[in-house]
Amino acid sequence: MTDQEQFQKKGLQHLRRIENELEDIKDRTGSPKRLFLNGMLYGAGAFVGGILAIIFGGWLLSIAGFIPGFAEIADIINAAIQSKAR
């Protein structure tokens, strides 16, 4: 076997390996419906996490005294929730 034939044989083996890896990746990702659902859930989680981070940050700042009005608003909301629960 000549050097060129060996080179071609190795190239063909490499291309087959790449094709097999691409098939594995395609099988792991799933259908477009699943990808869409995963994207929606990821987006919703990021949105809720961002809201919670903002609320937590505001609460910490109100405790530190940087946002003085935030504590009064939290007390009003807490009183309204407790009055509805009774």
N, C-alpha and C. Protein backbone atom coordinates (compact mmCIF):
# COMPACT_ATOMS: atom_id res chain seq x y z
N MET A 1 0.84 -1.16 0.00
CA MET A 1 0.00 0.00 0.00
C MET A 1 0.89 1.24 0.00
N THR A 2 0.57 2.17 -0.86
CA THR A 2 1.38 3.38 -0.97
C THR A 2 1.00 4.37 0.14
N ASP A 3 1.83 5.37 0.26
CA ASP A 3 1.56 6.40 1.28
C ASP A 3 0.25 7.12 1.02
N GLN A 4 -0.03 7.36 -0.26
CA GLN A 4 -1.26 8.07 -0.60
C GLN A 4 -2.48 7.21 -0.24
N GLU A 5 -2.43 5.92 -0.49
CA GLU A 5 -3.54 5.03 -0.15
C GLU A 5 -3.75 4.97 1.36
N GLN A 6 -2.66 4.93 2.12
CA GLN A 6 -2.77 4.92 3.59
C GLN A 6 -3.38 6.23 4.08
N PHE A 7 -2.95 7.33 3.46
CA PHE A 7 -3.48 8.64 3.83
C PHE A 7 -4.98 8.71 3.55
N GLN A 8 -5.39 8.21 2.41
CA GLN A 8 -6.81 8.20 2.06
C GLN A 8 -7.61 7.30 2.99
N LYS A 9 -7.03 6.16 3.37
CA LYS A 9 -7.71 5.23 4.26
C LYS A 9 -7.90 5.86 5.65
N LYS A 10 -6.85 6.54 6.15
CA LYS A 10 -6.95 7.21 7.44
C LYS A 10 -7.96 8.36 7.38
N GLY A 11 -7.98 9.07 6.26
CA GLY A 11 -8.94 10.16 6.10
C GLY A 11 -10.37 9.64 6.09
N LEU A 12 -10.60 8.53 5.42
CA LEU A 12 -11.93 7.93 5.37
C LEU A 12 -12.36 7.45 6.75
N GLN A 13 -11.45 6.85 7.51
CA GLN A 13 -11.77 6.41 8.87
C GLN A 13 -12.11 7.61 9.76
N HIS A 14 -11.37 8.69 9.59
CA HIS A 14 -11.62 9.90 10.37
C HIS A 14 -12.99 10.48 10.04
N LEU A 15 -13.35 10.49 8.75
CA LEU A 15 -14.65 10.99 8.36
C LEU A 15 -15.78 10.13 8.91
N ARG A 16 -15.58 8.82 8.95
CA ARG A 16 -16.60 7.93 9.53
C ARG A 16 -16.78 8.20 11.02
N ARG A 17 -15.66 8.43 11.73
CA ARG A 17 -15.73 8.75 13.16
C ARG A 17 -16.50 10.05 13.38
N ILE A 18 -16.23 11.05 12.55
CA ILE A 18 -16.93 12.32 12.66
C ILE A 18 -18.43 12.13 12.40
N GLU A 19 -18.76 11.33 11.40
CA GLU A 19 -20.16 11.06 11.09
C GLU A 19 -20.86 10.37 12.26
N ASN A 20 -20.19 9.42 12.88
CA ASN A 20 -20.78 8.72 14.03
C ASN A 20 -20.98 9.67 15.21
N GLU A 21 -20.01 10.56 15.43
CA GLU A 21 -20.15 11.51 16.53
C GLU A 21 -21.29 12.49 16.27
N LEU A 22 -21.45 12.92 15.02
CA LEU A 22 -22.56 13.81 14.69
C LEU A 22 -23.91 13.12 14.88
N GLU A 23 -23.99 11.85 14.54
CA GLU A 23 -25.22 11.10 14.77
C GLU A 23 -25.52 10.99 16.27
N ASP A 24 -24.49 10.76 17.08
CA ASP A 24 -24.68 10.70 18.53
C ASP A 24 -25.19 12.02 19.09
N ILE A 25 -24.62 13.12 18.61
CA ILE A 25 -25.06 14.45 19.05
C ILE A 25 -26.52 14.68 18.65
N LYS A 26 -26.86 14.29 17.44
CA LYS A 26 -28.23 14.46 16.95
C LYS A 26 -29.21 13.64 17.78
N ASP A 27 -28.82 12.44 18.16
CA ASP A 27 -29.69 11.58 18.97
C ASP A 27 -29.87 12.14 20.38
N ARG A 28 -28.83 12.77 20.94
CA ARG A 28 -28.89 13.29 22.30
C ARG A 28 -29.76 14.54 22.41
N THR A 29 -29.78 15.37 21.38
CA THR A 29 -30.51 16.63 21.48
C THR A 29 -32.01 16.41 21.42
N GLY A 30 -32.49 15.47 20.68
CA GLY A 30 -33.91 15.18 20.64
C GLY A 30 -34.64 15.96 19.57
N SER A 31 -35.95 15.96 19.71
CA SER A 31 -36.81 16.56 18.70
C SER A 31 -36.89 18.08 18.87
N PRO A 32 -37.34 18.76 17.84
CA PRO A 32 -37.49 20.22 17.95
C PRO A 32 -38.49 20.63 19.04
N LYS A 33 -39.53 19.82 19.26
CA LYS A 33 -40.50 20.13 20.31
C LYS A 33 -39.83 20.12 21.69
N ARG A 34 -38.97 19.14 21.89
CA ARG A 34 -38.27 19.05 23.17
C ARG A 34 -37.30 20.22 23.34
N LEU A 35 -36.61 20.57 22.28
CA LEU A 35 -35.70 21.71 22.34
C LEU A 35 -36.45 23.00 22.63
N PHE A 36 -37.63 23.17 22.02
CA PHE A 36 -38.45 24.35 22.27
C PHE A 36 -38.90 24.40 23.73
N LEU A 37 -39.36 23.26 24.25
CA LEU A 37 -39.79 23.20 25.64
C LEU A 37 -38.64 23.49 26.59
N ASN A 38 -37.47 22.94 26.31
CA ASN A 38 -36.30 23.21 27.14
C ASN A 38 -35.95 24.70 27.12
N GLY A 39 -36.04 25.32 25.97
CA GLY A 39 -35.77 26.75 25.86
C GLY A 39 -36.77 27.58 26.64
N MET A 40 -38.04 27.21 26.57
CA MET A 40 -39.08 27.93 27.31
C MET A 40 -38.86 27.80 28.82
N LEU A 41 -38.56 26.61 29.27
CA LEU A 41 -38.34 26.41 30.70
C LEU A 41 -37.08 27.14 31.17
N TYR A 42 -36.05 27.15 30.35
CA TYR A 42 -34.81 27.87 30.70
C TYR A 42 -35.10 29.37 30.80
N GLY A 43 -35.86 29.91 29.86
CA GLY A 43 -36.21 31.32 29.87
C GLY A 43 -37.06 31.68 31.07
N ALA A 44 -38.04 30.84 31.40
CA ALA A 44 -38.90 31.09 32.56
C ALA A 44 -38.09 31.04 33.85
N GLY A 45 -37.18 30.10 33.94
CA GLY A 45 -36.34 30.00 35.12
C GLY A 45 -35.43 31.21 35.28
N ALA A 46 -34.89 31.68 34.17
CA ALA A 46 -34.04 32.87 34.23
C ALA A 46 -34.85 34.09 34.64
N PHE A 47 -36.08 34.20 34.15
CA PHE A 47 -36.95 35.33 34.49
C PHE A 47 -37.30 35.31 35.97
N VAL A 48 -37.74 34.17 36.47
CA VAL A 48 -38.11 34.06 37.90
C VAL A 48 -36.87 34.27 38.77
N GLY A 49 -35.74 33.71 38.38
CA GLY A 49 -34.52 33.90 39.14
C GLY A 49 -34.09 35.36 39.18
N GLY A 50 -34.25 36.07 38.07
CA GLY A 50 -33.93 37.49 38.04
C GLY A 50 -34.83 38.30 38.96
N ILE A 51 -36.12 37.98 38.93
CA ILE A 51 -37.07 38.68 39.81
C ILE A 51 -36.70 38.44 41.27
N LEU A 52 -36.43 37.19 41.62
CA LEU A 52 -36.07 36.88 43.00
C LEU A 52 -34.77 37.56 43.42
N ALA A 53 -33.82 37.65 42.51
CA ALA A 53 -32.56 38.33 42.82
C ALA A 53 -32.79 39.82 43.08
N ILE A 54 -33.67 40.43 42.29
CA ILE A 54 -33.97 41.85 42.49
C ILE A 54 -34.67 42.06 43.83
N ILE A 55 -35.63 41.19 44.14
CA ILE A 55 -36.34 41.31 45.42
C ILE A 55 -35.38 41.12 46.59
N PHE A 56 -34.55 40.11 46.51
CA PHE A 56 -33.60 39.83 47.58
C PHE A 56 -32.61 40.97 47.73
N GLY A 57 -32.14 41.50 46.61
CA GLY A 57 -31.21 42.62 46.66
C GLY A 57 -31.85 43.86 47.28
N GLY A 58 -33.12 44.13 46.92
CA GLY A 58 -33.84 45.26 47.51
C GLY A 58 -34.04 45.08 49.00
N TRP A 59 -34.33 43.85 49.40
CA TRP A 59 -34.52 43.57 50.82
C TRP A 59 -33.22 43.80 51.60
N LEU A 60 -32.11 43.32 51.04
CA LEU A 60 -30.82 43.53 51.69
C LEU A 60 -30.47 45.02 51.78
N LEU A 61 -30.76 45.75 50.71
CA LEU A 61 -30.48 47.18 50.73
C LEU A 61 -31.37 47.92 51.73
N SER A 62 -32.62 47.45 51.89
CA SER A 62 -33.50 48.10 52.86
C SER A 62 -33.03 47.82 54.29
N ILE A 63 -32.51 46.63 54.52
CA ILE A 63 -31.97 46.31 55.86
C ILE A 63 -30.75 47.18 56.14
N ALA A 64 -29.92 47.38 55.13
CA ALA A 64 -28.72 48.19 55.30
C ALA A 64 -29.05 49.68 55.40
N GLY A 65 -30.27 50.07 55.05
CA GLY A 65 -30.70 51.46 55.17
C GLY A 65 -30.49 52.28 53.91
N PHE A 66 -30.15 51.65 52.78
CA PHE A 66 -29.96 52.40 51.54
C PHE A 66 -31.28 52.73 50.86
N ILE A 67 -32.31 51.92 51.10
CA ILE A 67 -33.64 52.16 50.53
C ILE A 67 -34.62 52.26 51.70
N PRO A 68 -34.84 53.43 52.24
CA PRO A 68 -35.65 53.54 53.45
C PRO A 68 -37.13 53.24 53.23
N GLY A 69 -37.69 53.51 52.07
CA GLY A 69 -39.11 53.29 51.86
C GLY A 69 -39.49 51.85 51.62
N PHE A 70 -38.54 51.02 51.33
CA PHE A 70 -38.84 49.63 50.99
C PHE A 70 -39.38 48.86 52.20
N ALA A 71 -38.92 49.16 53.39
CA ALA A 71 -39.38 48.46 54.59
C ALA A 71 -40.84 48.76 54.86
N GLU A 72 -41.28 50.02 54.65
CA GLU A 72 -42.68 50.36 54.87
C GLU A 72 -43.59 49.65 53.88
N ILE A 73 -43.16 49.58 52.63
CA ILE A 73 -43.96 48.89 51.62
C ILE A 73 -44.07 47.41 51.96
N ALA A 74 -42.98 46.82 52.42
CA ALA A 74 -43.01 45.41 52.80
C ALA A 74 -43.94 45.19 53.99
N ASP A 75 -43.97 46.12 54.94
CA ASP A 75 -44.86 45.99 56.09
C ASP A 75 -46.32 46.09 55.67
N ILE A 76 -46.64 47.00 54.75
CA ILE A 76 -48.01 47.14 54.26
C ILE A 76 -48.46 45.87 53.54
N ILE A 77 -47.60 45.32 52.70
CA ILE A 77 -47.94 44.09 51.97
C ILE A 77 -48.12 42.93 52.95
N ASN A 78 -47.24 42.84 53.93
CA ASN A 78 -47.33 41.77 54.93
C ASN A 78 -48.62 41.89 55.73
N ALA A 79 -49.01 43.10 56.11
CA ALA A 79 -50.26 43.30 56.85
C ALA A 79 -51.47 42.93 55.99
N ALA A 80 -51.44 43.27 54.71
CA ALA A 80 -52.56 42.93 53.82
C ALA A 80 -52.67 41.42 53.65
N ILE A 81 -51.56 40.73 53.56
CA ILE A 81 -51.58 39.27 53.41
C ILE A 81 -52.11 38.62 54.69
N GLN A 82 -51.70 39.13 55.83
CA GLN A 82 -52.16 38.55 57.10
C GLN A 82 -53.63 38.82 57.32
N SER A 83 -54.15 39.97 56.90
CA SER A 83 -55.57 40.27 57.09
C SER A 83 -56.43 39.41 56.17
N LYS A 84 -55.94 39.08 54.98
CA LYS A 84 -56.67 38.19 54.06
C LYS A 84 -56.68 36.76 54.56
N ALA A 85 -55.64 36.35 55.26
CA ALA A 85 -55.53 34.98 55.75
C ALA A 85 -56.51 34.71 56.89
N ARG A 86 -56.91 35.74 57.60
CA ARG A 86 -57.82 35.56 58.75
C ARG A 86 -59.21 35.49 58.30
